[in-house]
PDB file of N, CA and C in Angstrom:
ATOM      1  N   MET A   1       0.848  -1.185   0.000  1.00  0.00           N
ATOM      2  CA  MET A   1       0.000   0.000   0.000  1.00  0.00           C
ATOM      3  C   MET A   1       0.893   1.247   0.000  1.00  0.00           C
ATOM      4  N   ALA A   2       0.564   2.205  -0.828  1.00  0.00           N
ATOM      5  CA  ALA A   2       1.366   3.424  -0.928  1.00  0.00           C
ATOM      6  C   ALA A   2       1.241   4.249   0.347  1.00  0.00           C
ATOM      7  N   GLN A   3       2.351   4.827   0.746  1.00  0.00           N
ATOM      8  CA  GLN A   3       2.359   5.655   1.946  1.00  0.00           C
ATOM      9  C   GLN A   3       1.753   7.015   1.629  1.00  0.00           C
ATOM     10  N   LYS A   4       0.873   7.502   2.512  1.00  0.00           N
ATOM     11  CA  LYS A   4       0.250   8.802   2.308  1.00  0.00           C
ATOM     12  C   LYS A   4       1.251   9.913   2.604  1.00  0.00           C
ATOM     13  N   LYS A   5       1.079  11.016   1.920  1.00  0.00           N
ATOM     14  CA  LYS A   5       1.885  12.190   2.207  1.00  0.00           C
ATOM     15  C   LYS A   5       1.414  12.789   3.527  1.00  0.00           C
ATOM     16  N   TRP A   6       2.326  13.430   4.244  1.00  0.00           N
ATOM     17  CA  TRP A   6       1.964  14.020   5.530  1.00  0.00           C
ATOM     18  C   TRP A   6       0.866  15.058   5.373  1.00  0.00           C
ATOM     19  N   SER A   7       0.851  15.786   4.247  1.00  0.00           N
ATOM     20  CA  SER A   7      -0.163  16.826   4.063  1.00  0.00           C
ATOM     21  C   SER A   7      -1.560  16.225   3.912  1.00  0.00           C
ATOM     22  N   GLN A   8      -1.647  15.064   3.264  1.00  0.00           N
ATOM     23  CA  GLN A   8      -2.932  14.391   3.147  1.00  0.00           C
ATOM     24  C   GLN A   8      -3.394  13.936   4.519  1.00  0.00           C
ATOM     25  N   ASP A   9      -2.479  13.450   5.324  1.00  0.00           N
ATOM     26  CA  ASP A   9      -2.807  13.011   6.665  1.00  0.00           C
ATOM     27  C   ASP A   9      -3.312  14.186   7.504  1.00  0.00           C
ATOM     28  N   VAL A  10      -2.655  15.345   7.381  1.00  0.00           N
ATOM     29  CA  VAL A  10      -3.098  16.530   8.123  1.00  0.00           C
ATOM     30  C   VAL A  10      -4.495  16.933   7.681  1.00  0.00           C
ATOM     31  N   THR A  11      -4.733  16.939   6.384  1.00  0.00           N
ATOM     32  CA  THR A  11      -6.045  17.314   5.867  1.00  0.00           C
ATOM     33  C   THR A  11      -7.129  16.380   6.384  1.00  0.00           C
ATOM     34  N   GLU A  12      -6.825  15.100   6.457  1.00  0.00           N
ATOM     35  CA  GLU A  12      -7.815  14.117   6.886  1.00  0.00           C
ATOM     36  C   GLU A  12      -7.978  14.035   8.396  1.00  0.00           C
ATOM     37  N   ARG A  13      -6.903  14.289   9.139  1.00  0.00           N
ATOM     38  CA  ARG A  13      -6.946  14.068  10.580  1.00  0.00           C
ATOM     39  C   ARG A  13      -6.528  15.291  11.399  1.00  0.00           C
ATOM     40  N   SER A  14      -6.711  16.468  10.857  1.00  0.00           N
ATOM     41  CA  SER A  14      -6.262  17.679  11.525  1.00  0.00           C
ATOM     42  C   SER A  14      -6.855  17.835  12.915  1.00  0.00           C
ATOM     43  N   ASP A  15      -6.021  18.280  13.848  1.00  0.00           N
ATOM     44  CA  ASP A  15      -6.519  18.613  15.170  1.00  0.00           C
ATOM     45  C   ASP A  15      -7.298  19.919  15.157  1.00  0.00           C
ATOM     46  N   ALA A  16      -7.121  20.699  14.117  1.00  0.00           N
ATOM     47  CA  ALA A  16      -7.790  21.988  14.058  1.00  0.00           C
ATOM     48  C   ALA A  16      -9.272  21.846  13.707  1.00  0.00           C
ATOM     49  N   LEU A  17      -9.592  21.019  12.742  1.00  0.00           N
ATOM     50  CA  LEU A  17     -10.968  20.887  12.276  1.00  0.00           C
ATOM     51  C   LEU A  17     -11.277  19.442  11.904  1.00  0.00           C
ATOM     52  N   ASP A  18     -12.511  19.043  12.134  1.00  0.00           N
ATOM     53  CA  ASP A  18     -13.002  17.771  11.621  1.00  0.00           C
ATOM     54  C   ASP A  18     -13.714  18.088  10.321  1.00  0.00           C
ATOM     55  N   LEU A  19     -13.082  17.761   9.205  1.00  0.00           N
ATOM     56  CA  LEU A  19     -13.604  18.118   7.894  1.00  0.00           C
ATOM     57  C   LEU A  19     -14.559  17.059   7.359  1.00  0.00           C
ATOM     58  N   GLU A  20     -15.550  17.518   6.591  1.00  0.00           N
ATOM     59  CA  GLU A  20     -16.443  16.596   5.904  1.00  0.00           C
ATOM     60  C   GLU A  20     -15.658  15.916   4.779  1.00  0.00           C
ATOM     61  N   ASP A  21     -16.031  14.688   4.468  1.00  0.00           N
ATOM     62  CA  ASP A  21     -15.352  13.942   3.406  1.00  0.00           C
ATOM     63  C   ASP A  21     -15.387  14.703   2.087  1.00  0.00           C
ATOM     64  N   SER A  22     -14.266  14.753   1.429  1.00  0.00           N
ATOM     65  CA  SER A  22     -14.122  15.335   0.085  1.00  0.00           C
ATOM     66  C   SER A  22     -14.589  16.784  -0.019  1.00  0.00           C
ATOM     67  N   VAL A  23     -14.512  17.528   1.067  1.00  0.00           N
ATOM     68  CA  VAL A  23     -14.980  18.917   1.048  1.00  0.00           C
ATOM     69  C   VAL A  23     -14.272  19.736  -0.019  1.00  0.00           C
ATOM     70  N   PHE A  24     -12.985  19.514  -0.219  1.00  0.00           N
ATOM     71  CA  PHE A  24     -12.228  20.327  -1.170  1.00  0.00           C
ATOM     72  C   PHE A  24     -12.401  19.866  -2.615  1.00  0.00           C
ATOM     73  N   LYS A  25     -13.088  18.788  -2.838  1.00  0.00           N
ATOM     74  CA  LYS A  25     -13.301  18.271  -4.193  1.00  0.00           C
ATOM     75  C   LYS A  25     -14.646  18.720  -4.767  1.00  0.00           C
ATOM     76  N   GLN A  26     -15.453  19.403  -3.978  1.00  0.00           N
ATOM     77  CA  GLN A  26     -16.743  19.887  -4.458  1.00  0.00           C
ATOM     78  C   GLN A  26     -16.537  20.976  -5.506  1.00  0.00           C
ATOM     79  N   ASP A  27     -17.548  21.190  -6.340  1.00  0.00           N
ATOM     80  CA  ASP A  27     -17.416  22.199  -7.391  1.00  0.00           C
ATOM     81  C   ASP A  27     -18.226  23.458  -7.102  1.00  0.00           C
ATOM     82  N   ASP A  28     -18.775  23.575  -5.894  1.00  0.00           N
ATOM     83  CA  ASP A  28     -19.567  24.732  -5.510  1.00  0.00           C
ATOM     84  C   ASP A  28     -18.851  25.473  -4.372  1.00  0.00           C
ATOM     85  N   PRO A  29     -18.301  26.665  -4.655  1.00  0.00           N
ATOM     86  CA  PRO A  29     -17.568  27.402  -3.624  1.00  0.00           C
ATOM     87  C   PRO A  29     -18.398  27.679  -2.366  1.00  0.00           C
ATOM     88  N   ALA A  30     -19.692  27.950  -2.545  1.00  0.00           N
ATOM     89  CA  ALA A  30     -20.556  28.235  -1.392  1.00  0.00           C
ATOM     90  C   ALA A  30     -20.708  27.007  -0.498  1.00  0.00           C
ATOM     91  N   LYS A  31     -20.781  25.822  -1.094  1.00  0.00           N
ATOM     92  CA  LYS A  31     -20.891  24.591  -0.303  1.00  0.00           C
ATOM     93  C   LYS A  31     -19.592  24.297   0.443  1.00  0.00           C
ATOM     94  N   ILE A  32     -18.464  24.565  -0.205  1.00  0.00           N
ATOM     95  CA  ILE A  32     -17.170  24.379   0.454  1.00  0.00           C
ATOM     96  C   ILE A  32     -17.079  25.314   1.657  1.00  0.00           C
ATOM     97  N   ALA A  33     -17.430  26.582   1.446  1.00  0.00           N
ATOM     98  CA  ALA A  33     -17.370  27.574   2.523  1.00  0.00           C
ATOM     99  C   ALA A  33     -18.308  27.196   3.669  1.00  0.00           C
ATOM    100  N   ALA A  34     -19.512  26.770   3.339  1.00  0.00           N
ATOM    101  CA  ALA A  34     -20.480  26.397   4.381  1.00  0.00           C
ATOM    102  C   ALA A  34     -19.979  25.204   5.190  1.00  0.00           C
ATOM    103  N   SER A  35     -19.388  24.248   4.519  1.00  0.00           N
ATOM    104  CA  SER A  35     -18.856  23.069   5.201  1.00  0.00           C
ATOM    105  C   SER A  35     -17.703  23.453   6.131  1.00  0.00           C
ATOM    106  N   LEU A  36     -16.788  24.283   5.639  1.00  0.00           N
ATOM    107  CA  LEU A  36     -15.663  24.726   6.459  1.00  0.00           C
ATOM    108  C   LEU A  36     -16.147  25.554   7.652  1.00  0.00           C
ATOM    109  N   LYS A  37     -17.156  26.373   7.434  1.00  0.00           N
ATOM    110  CA  LYS A  37     -17.709  27.194   8.516  1.00  0.00           C
ATOM    111  C   LYS A  37     -18.303  26.299   9.600  1.00  0.00           C
ATOM    112  N   ARG A  38     -19.098  25.320   9.182  1.00  0.00           N
ATOM    113  CA  ARG A  38     -19.681  24.375  10.154  1.00  0.00           C
ATOM    114  C   ARG A  38     -18.591  23.671  10.940  1.00  0.00           C
ATOM    115  N   SER A  39     -17.588  23.177  10.232  1.00  0.00           N
ATOM    116  CA  SER A  39     -16.496  22.457  10.888  1.00  0.00           C
ATOM    117  C   SER A  39     -15.771  23.351  11.889  1.00  0.00           C
ATOM    118  N   ALA A  40     -15.499  24.581  11.497  1.00  0.00           N
ATOM    119  CA  ALA A  40     -14.768  25.496  12.369  1.00  0.00           C
ATOM    120  C   ALA A  40     -15.585  25.887  13.592  1.00  0.00           C
ATOM    121  N   GLU A  41     -16.877  26.106  13.395  1.00  0.00           N
ATOM    122  CA  GLU A  41     -17.719  26.519  14.518  1.00  0.00           C
ATOM    123  C   GLU A  41     -17.960  25.391  15.511  1.00  0.00           C
ATOM    124  N   HIS A  42     -17.924  24.160  15.046  1.00  0.00           N
ATOM    125  CA  HIS A  42     -18.184  23.026  15.936  1.00  0.00           C
ATOM    126  C   HIS A  42     -16.927  22.432  16.557  1.00  0.00           C
ATOM    127  N   SER A  43     -15.775  22.851  16.075  1.00  0.00           N
ATOM    128  CA  SER A  43     -14.523  22.295  16.582  1.00  0.00           C
ATOM    129  C   SER A  43     -14.204  22.843  17.963  1.00  0.00           C
ATOM    130  N   LYS A  44     -13.834  21.946  18.852  1.00  0.00           N
ATOM    131  CA  LYS A  44     -13.411  22.339  20.202  1.00  0.00           C
ATOM    132  C   LYS A  44     -11.885  22.398  20.269  1.00  0.00           C
ATOM    133  N   ARG A  45     -11.213  22.003  19.187  1.00  0.00           N
ATOM    134  CA  ARG A  45      -9.757  21.878  19.192  1.00  0.00           C
ATOM    135  C   ARG A  45      -9.050  22.929  18.357  1.00  0.00           C
ATOM    136  N   ARG A  46      -9.795  23.829  17.756  1.00  0.00           N
ATOM    137  CA  ARG A  46      -9.162  24.798  16.850  1.00  0.00           C
ATOM    138  C   ARG A  46      -8.363  25.834  17.638  1.00  0.00           C
ATOM    139  N   LYS A  47      -7.438  26.440  16.929  1.00  0.00           N
ATOM    140  CA  LYS A  47      -6.702  27.593  17.456  1.00  0.00           C
ATOM    141  C   LYS A  47      -7.196  28.804  16.690  1.00  0.00           C
ATOM    142  N   GLY A  48      -7.346  29.916  17.351  1.00  0.00           N
ATOM    143  CA  GLY A  48      -7.815  31.121  16.680  1.00  0.00           C
ATOM    144  C   GLY A  48      -9.326  31.129  16.533  1.00  0.00           C
ATOM    145  N   THR A  49      -9.806  32.075  15.740  1.00  0.00           N
ATOM    146  CA  THR A  49     -11.245  32.214  15.513  1.00  0.00           C
ATOM    147  C   THR A  49     -11.712  31.151  14.512  1.00  0.00           C
ATOM    148  N   PRO A  50     -13.019  30.923  14.443  1.00  0.00           N
ATOM    149  CA  PRO A  50     -13.520  29.992  13.426  1.00  0.00           C
ATOM    150  C   PRO A  50     -13.118  30.399  12.010  1.00  0.00           C
ATOM    151  N   LEU A  51     -13.179  31.701  11.703  1.00  0.00           N
ATOM    152  CA  LEU A  51     -12.789  32.161  10.366  1.00  0.00           C
ATOM    153  C   LEU A  51     -11.316  31.870  10.108  1.00  0.00           C
ATOM    154  N   GLN A  52     -10.455  32.156  11.070  1.00  0.00           N
ATOM    155  CA  GLN A  52      -9.022  31.896  10.891  1.00  0.00           C
ATOM    156  C   GLN A  52      -8.759  30.412  10.677  1.00  0.00           C
ATOM    157  N   SER A  53      -9.427  29.576  11.435  1.00  0.00           N
ATOM    158  CA  SER A  53      -9.220  28.133  11.303  1.00  0.00           C
ATOM    159  C   SER A  53      -9.696  27.617   9.953  1.00  0.00           C
ATOM    160  N   ALA A  54     -10.884  28.054   9.541  1.00  0.00           N
ATOM    161  CA  ALA A  54     -11.433  27.606   8.262  1.00  0.00           C
ATOM    162  C   ALA A  54     -10.585  28.102   7.097  1.00  0.00           C
ATOM    163  N   MET A  55     -10.197  29.373   7.131  1.00  0.00           N
ATOM    164  CA  MET A  55      -9.387  29.939   6.054  1.00  0.00           C
ATOM    165  C   MET A  55      -8.005  29.293   6.037  1.00  0.00           C
ATOM    166  N   GLY A  56      -7.472  29.034   7.210  1.00  0.00           N
ATOM    167  CA  GLY A  56      -6.159  28.385   7.293  1.00  0.00           C
ATOM    168  C   GLY A  56      -6.173  27.001   6.670  1.00  0.00           C
ATOM    169  N   MET A  57      -7.228  26.240   6.914  1.00  0.00           N
ATOM    170  CA  MET A  57      -7.317  24.897   6.341  1.00  0.00           C
ATOM    171  C   MET A  57      -7.489  24.965   4.835  1.00  0.00           C
ATOM    172  N   LEU A  58      -8.280  25.918   4.360  1.00  0.00           N
ATOM    173  CA  LEU A  58      -8.473  26.091   2.919  1.00  0.00           C
ATOM    174  C   LEU A  58      -7.152  26.472   2.248  1.00  0.00           C
ATOM    175  N   ASN A  59      -6.444  27.431   2.813  1.00  0.00           N
ATOM    176  CA  ASN A  59      -5.148  27.828   2.256  1.00  0.00           C
ATOM    177  C   ASN A  59      -4.138  26.686   2.318  1.00  0.00           C
ATOM    178  N   PHE A  60      -4.147  25.949   3.404  1.00  0.00           N
ATOM    179  CA  PHE A  60      -3.246  24.805   3.545  1.00  0.00           C
ATOM    180  C   PHE A  60      -3.486  23.808   2.412  1.00  0.00           C
ATOM    181  N   TYR A  61      -4.747  23.506   2.151  1.00  0.00           N
ATOM    182  CA  TYR A  61      -5.065  22.547   1.100  1.00  0.00           C
ATOM    183  C   TYR A  61      -4.609  23.066  -0.261  1.00  0.00           C
ATOM    184  N   ILE A  62      -4.900  24.327  -0.563  1.00  0.00           N
ATOM    185  CA  ILE A  62      -4.509  24.902  -1.852  1.00  0.00           C
ATOM    186  C   ILE A  62      -2.991  24.856  -2.016  1.00  0.00           C
ATOM    187  N   ASN A  63      -2.278  25.256  -0.985  1.00  0.00           N
ATOM    188  CA  ASN A  63      -0.813  25.284  -1.058  1.00  0.00           C
ATOM    189  C   ASN A  63      -0.212  23.888  -1.161  1.00  0.00           C
ATOM    190  N   ARG A  64      -0.740  22.944  -0.433  1.00  0.00           N
ATOM    191  CA  ARG A  64      -0.203  21.580  -0.452  1.00  0.00           C
ATOM    192  C   ARG A  64      -0.513  20.886  -1.766  1.00  0.00           C
ATOM    193  N   ALA A  65      -1.667  21.179  -2.353  1.00  0.00           N
ATOM    194  CA  ALA A  65      -2.031  20.527  -3.611  1.00  0.00           C
ATOM    195  C   ALA A  65      -1.115  20.999  -4.740  1.00  0.00           C
ATOM    196  N   GLY A  66      -0.702  22.258  -4.678  1.00  0.00           N
ATOM    197  CA  GLY A  66       0.243  22.799  -5.646  1.00  0.00           C
ATOM    198  C   GLY A  66      -0.170  22.570  -7.084  1.00  0.00           C
ATOM    199  N   ASP A  67       0.771  22.071  -7.879  1.00  0.00           N
ATOM    200  CA  ASP A  67       0.533  21.848  -9.303  1.00  0.00           C
ATOM    201  C   ASP A  67      -0.437  20.703  -9.575  1.00  0.00           C
ATOM    202  N   ASN A  68      -0.688  19.862  -8.581  1.00  0.00           N
ATOM    203  CA  ASN A  68      -1.624  18.753  -8.764  1.00  0.00           C
ATOM    204  C   ASN A  68      -3.074  19.212  -8.763  1.00  0.00           C
ATOM    205  N   LEU A  69      -3.301  20.461  -8.383  1.00  0.00           N
ATOM    206  CA  LEU A  69      -4.647  21.017  -8.353  1.00  0.00           C
ATOM    207  C   LEU A  69      -4.943  21.621  -9.720  1.00  0.00           C
ATOM    208  N   GLY A  70      -5.964  21.106 -10.375  1.00  0.00           N
ATOM    209  CA  GLY A  70      -6.319  21.612 -11.697  1.00  0.00           C
ATOM    210  C   GLY A  70      -6.759  23.066 -11.646  1.00  0.00           C
ATOM    211  N   LYS A  71      -6.650  23.747 -12.779  1.00  0.00           N
ATOM    212  CA  LYS A  71      -6.982  25.169 -12.849  1.00  0.00           C
ATOM    213  C   LYS A  71      -8.427  25.431 -12.427  1.00  0.00           C
ATOM    214  N   GLY A  72      -9.326  24.601 -12.890  1.00  0.00           N
ATOM    215  CA  GLY A  72     -10.744  24.780 -12.559  1.00  0.00           C
ATOM    216  C   GLY A  72     -11.009  24.627 -11.074  1.00  0.00           C
ATOM    217  N   GLN A  73     -10.437  23.596 -10.459  1.00  0.00           N
ATOM    218  CA  GLN A  73     -10.653  23.383  -9.031  1.00  0.00           C
ATOM    219  C   GLN A  73      -9.964  24.459  -8.200  1.00  0.00           C
ATOM    220  N   ARG A  74      -8.812  24.941  -8.668  1.00  0.00           N
ATOM    221  CA  ARG A  74      -8.133  26.042  -7.964  1.00  0.00           C
ATOM    222  C   ARG A  74      -9.031  27.282  -7.959  1.00  0.00           C
ATOM    223  N   GLN A  75      -9.683  27.566  -9.087  1.00  0.00           N
ATOM    224  CA  GLN A  75     -10.586  28.720  -9.162  1.00  0.00           C
ATOM    225  C   GLN A  75     -11.763  28.556  -8.204  1.00  0.00           C
ATOM    226  N   VAL A  76     -12.295  27.341  -8.133  1.00  0.00           N
ATOM    227  CA  VAL A  76     -13.396  27.065  -7.204  1.00  0.00           C
ATOM    228  C   VAL A  76     -12.944  27.337  -5.769  1.00  0.00           C
ATOM    229  N   LEU A  77     -11.758  26.843  -5.417  1.00  0.00           N
ATOM    230  CA  LEU A  77     -11.258  27.008  -4.052  1.00  0.00           C
ATOM    231  C   LEU A  77     -10.925  28.470  -3.751  1.00  0.00           C
ATOM    232  N   GLU A  78     -10.402  29.196  -4.725  1.00  0.00           N
ATOM    233  CA  GLU A  78     -10.131  30.622  -4.515  1.00  0.00           C
ATOM    234  C   GLU A  78     -11.433  31.383  -4.298  1.00  0.00           C
ATOM    235  N   LYS A  79     -12.473  31.037  -5.057  1.00  0.00           N
ATOM    236  CA  LYS A  79     -13.789  31.660  -4.878  1.00  0.00           C
ATOM    237  C   LYS A  79     -14.366  31.276  -3.519  1.00  0.00           C
ATOM    238  N   ALA A  80     -14.062  30.081  -3.039  1.00  0.00           N
ATOM    239  CA  ALA A  80     -14.542  29.642  -1.732  1.00  0.00           C
ATOM    240  C   ALA A  80     -13.998  30.538  -0.618  1.00  0.00           C
ATOM    241  N   LYS A  81     -12.820  31.138  -0.826  1.00  0.00           N
ATOM    242  CA  LYS A  81     -12.279  32.065   0.169  1.00  0.00           C
ATOM    243  C   LYS A  81     -13.221  33.257   0.345  1.00  0.00           C
ATOM    244  N   ASP A  82     -13.685  33.823  -0.779  1.00  0.00           N
ATOM    245  CA  ASP A  82     -14.627  34.943  -0.702  1.00  0.00           C
ATOM    246  C   ASP A  82     -15.946  34.509  -0.069  1.00  0.00           C
ATOM    247  N   GLU A  83     -16.416  33.334  -0.440  1.00  0.00           N
ATOM    248  CA  GLU A  83     -17.653  32.802   0.129  1.00  0.00           C
ATOM    249  C   GLU A  83     -17.504  32.614   1.638  1.00  0.00           C
ATOM    250  N   LEU A  84     -16.336  32.168   2.056  1.00  0.00           N
ATOM    251  CA  LEU A  84     -16.067  31.953   3.475  1.00  0.00           C
ATOM    252  C   LEU A  84     -16.075  33.286   4.224  1.00  0.00           C
ATOM    253  N   ARG A  85     -15.434  34.294   3.646  1.00  0.00           N
ATOM    254  CA  ARG A  85     -15.459  35.616   4.273  1.00  0.00           C
ATOM    255  C   ARG A  85     -16.892  36.114   4.427  1.00  0.00           C
ATOM    256  N   GLU A  86     -17.685  35.968   3.368  1.00  0.00           N
ATOM    257  CA  GLU A  86     -19.087  36.397   3.417  1.00  0.00           C
ATOM    258  C   GLU A  86     -19.876  35.611   4.455  1.00  0.00           C
ATOM    259  N   ALA A  87     -19.615  34.315   4.561  1.00  0.00           N
ATOM    260  CA  ALA A  87     -20.329  33.470   5.526  1.00  0.00           C
ATOM    261  C   ALA A  87     -20.079  33.922   6.960  1.00  0.00           C
ATOM    262  N   PHE A  88     -18.918  34.526   7.189  1.00  0.00           N
ATOM    263  CA  PHE A  88     -18.584  35.024   8.517  1.00  0.00           C
ATOM    264  C   PHE A  88     -18.858  36.523   8.658  1.00  0.00           C
ATOM    265  N   GLY A  89     -19.594  37.095   7.689  1.00  0.00           N
ATOM    266  CA  GLY A  89     -19.989  38.492   7.776  1.00  0.00           C
ATOM    267  C   GLY A  89     -18.912  39.482   7.391  1.00  0.00           C
ATOM    268  N   ARG A  90     -17.934  39.028   6.656  1.00  0.00           N
ATOM    269  CA  ARG A  90     -16.852  39.905   6.185  1.00  0.00           C
ATOM    270  C   ARG A  90     -17.044  40.171   4.702  1.00  0.00           C
ATOM    271  N   GLU A  91     -16.453  41.266   4.243  1.00  0.00           N
ATOM    272  CA  GLU A  91     -16.495  41.556   2.808  1.00  0.00           C
ATOM    273  C   GLU A  91     -15.487  40.689   2.080  1.00  0.00           C
ATOM    274  N   PRO A  92     -15.844  40.220   0.890  1.00  0.00           N
ATOM    275  CA  PRO A  92     -14.860  39.502   0.079  1.00  0.00           C
ATOM    276  C   PRO A  92     -13.684  40.418  -0.219  1.00  0.00           C
ATOM    277  N   LYS A  93     -12.541  39.850  -0.387  1.00  0.00           N
ATOM    278  CA  LYS A  93     -11.321  40.631  -0.616  1.00  0.00           C
ATOM    279  C   LYS A  93     -11.461  41.523  -1.846  1.00  0.00           C
ATOM    280  N   GLY A  94     -11.107  42.797  -1.694  1.00  0.00           N
ATOM    281  CA  GLY A  94     -11.099  43.717  -2.820  1.00  0.00           C
ATOM    282  C   GLY A  94     -12.409  44.383  -3.133  1.00  0.00           C
ATOM    283  N   THR A  95     -13.499  44.023  -2.463  1.00  0.00           N
ATOM    284  CA  THR A  95     -14.792  44.601  -2.836  1.00  0.00           C
ATOM    285  C   THR A  95     -15.057  45.943  -2.168  1.00  0.00           C
ATOM    286  N   HIS A  96     -14.357  46.257  -1.084  1.00  0.00           N
ATOM    287  CA  HIS A  96     -14.641  47.502  -0.380  1.00  0.00           C
ATOM    288  C   HIS A  96     -14.369  48.737  -1.247  1.00  0.00           C
ATOM    289  N   LYS A  97     -13.466  48.661  -2.199  1.00  0.00           N
ATOM    290  CA  LYS A  97     -13.163  49.792  -3.072  1.00  0.00           C
ATOM    291  C   LYS A  97     -14.139  49.859  -4.238  1.00  0.00           C
ATOM    292  N   GLU A  98     -14.760  48.740  -4.576  1.00  0.00           N
ATOM    293  CA  GLU A  98     -15.619  48.674  -5.749  1.00  0.00           C
ATOM    294  C   GLU A  98     -17.040  49.148  -5.441  1.00  0.00           C
ATOM    295  N   LYS A  99     -17.441  49.117  -4.184  1.00  0.00           N
ATOM    296  CA  LYS A  99     -18.806  49.471  -3.835  1.00  0.00           C
ATOM    297  C   LYS A  99     -19.018  50.976  -3.966  1.00  0.00           C
ATOM    298  N   ALA A 100     -20.164  51.344  -4.486  1.00  0.00           N
ATOM    299  CA  ALA A 100     -20.491  52.764  -4.645  1.00  0.00           C
ATOM    300  C   ALA A 100     -20.975  53.325  -3.316  1.00  0.00           C
ATOM    301  N   HIS A 101     -20.571  54.511  -3.011  1.00  0.00           N
ATOM    302  CA  HIS A 101     -21.050  55.185  -1.803  1.00  0.00           C
ATOM    303  C   HIS A 101     -22.176  56.119  -2.197  1.00  0.00           C
ATOM    304  N   GLY A 102     -23.198  56.179  -1.346  1.00  0.00           N
ATOM    305  CA  GLY A 102     -24.241  57.115  -1.732  1.00  0.00           C
ATOM    306  C   GLY A 102     -25.413  57.063  -0.936  1.00  0.00           C
TER     307      GLY A 102
END
């Protein structure tokens, strides 16, 4: 049996969050964000705020997947970052300058 990479083991068994199966393989950024939010809010073992924990796990997965992550799935996961910010009541990155004042 092939030995798993340490990053896969962390993703599957992280002390920070109990992740739903295949959360990062979904094709809907909003569903990924909602799943990460649920996991972060229910975790008793996380460090930092729920948003920090969820975003940290998402970034960890993106960085560890590296070139093995297809362009389409990378775009989904990058969009999930904005969805995650919105789920926690924050503005998506870069939108504060685009909004009209009035």
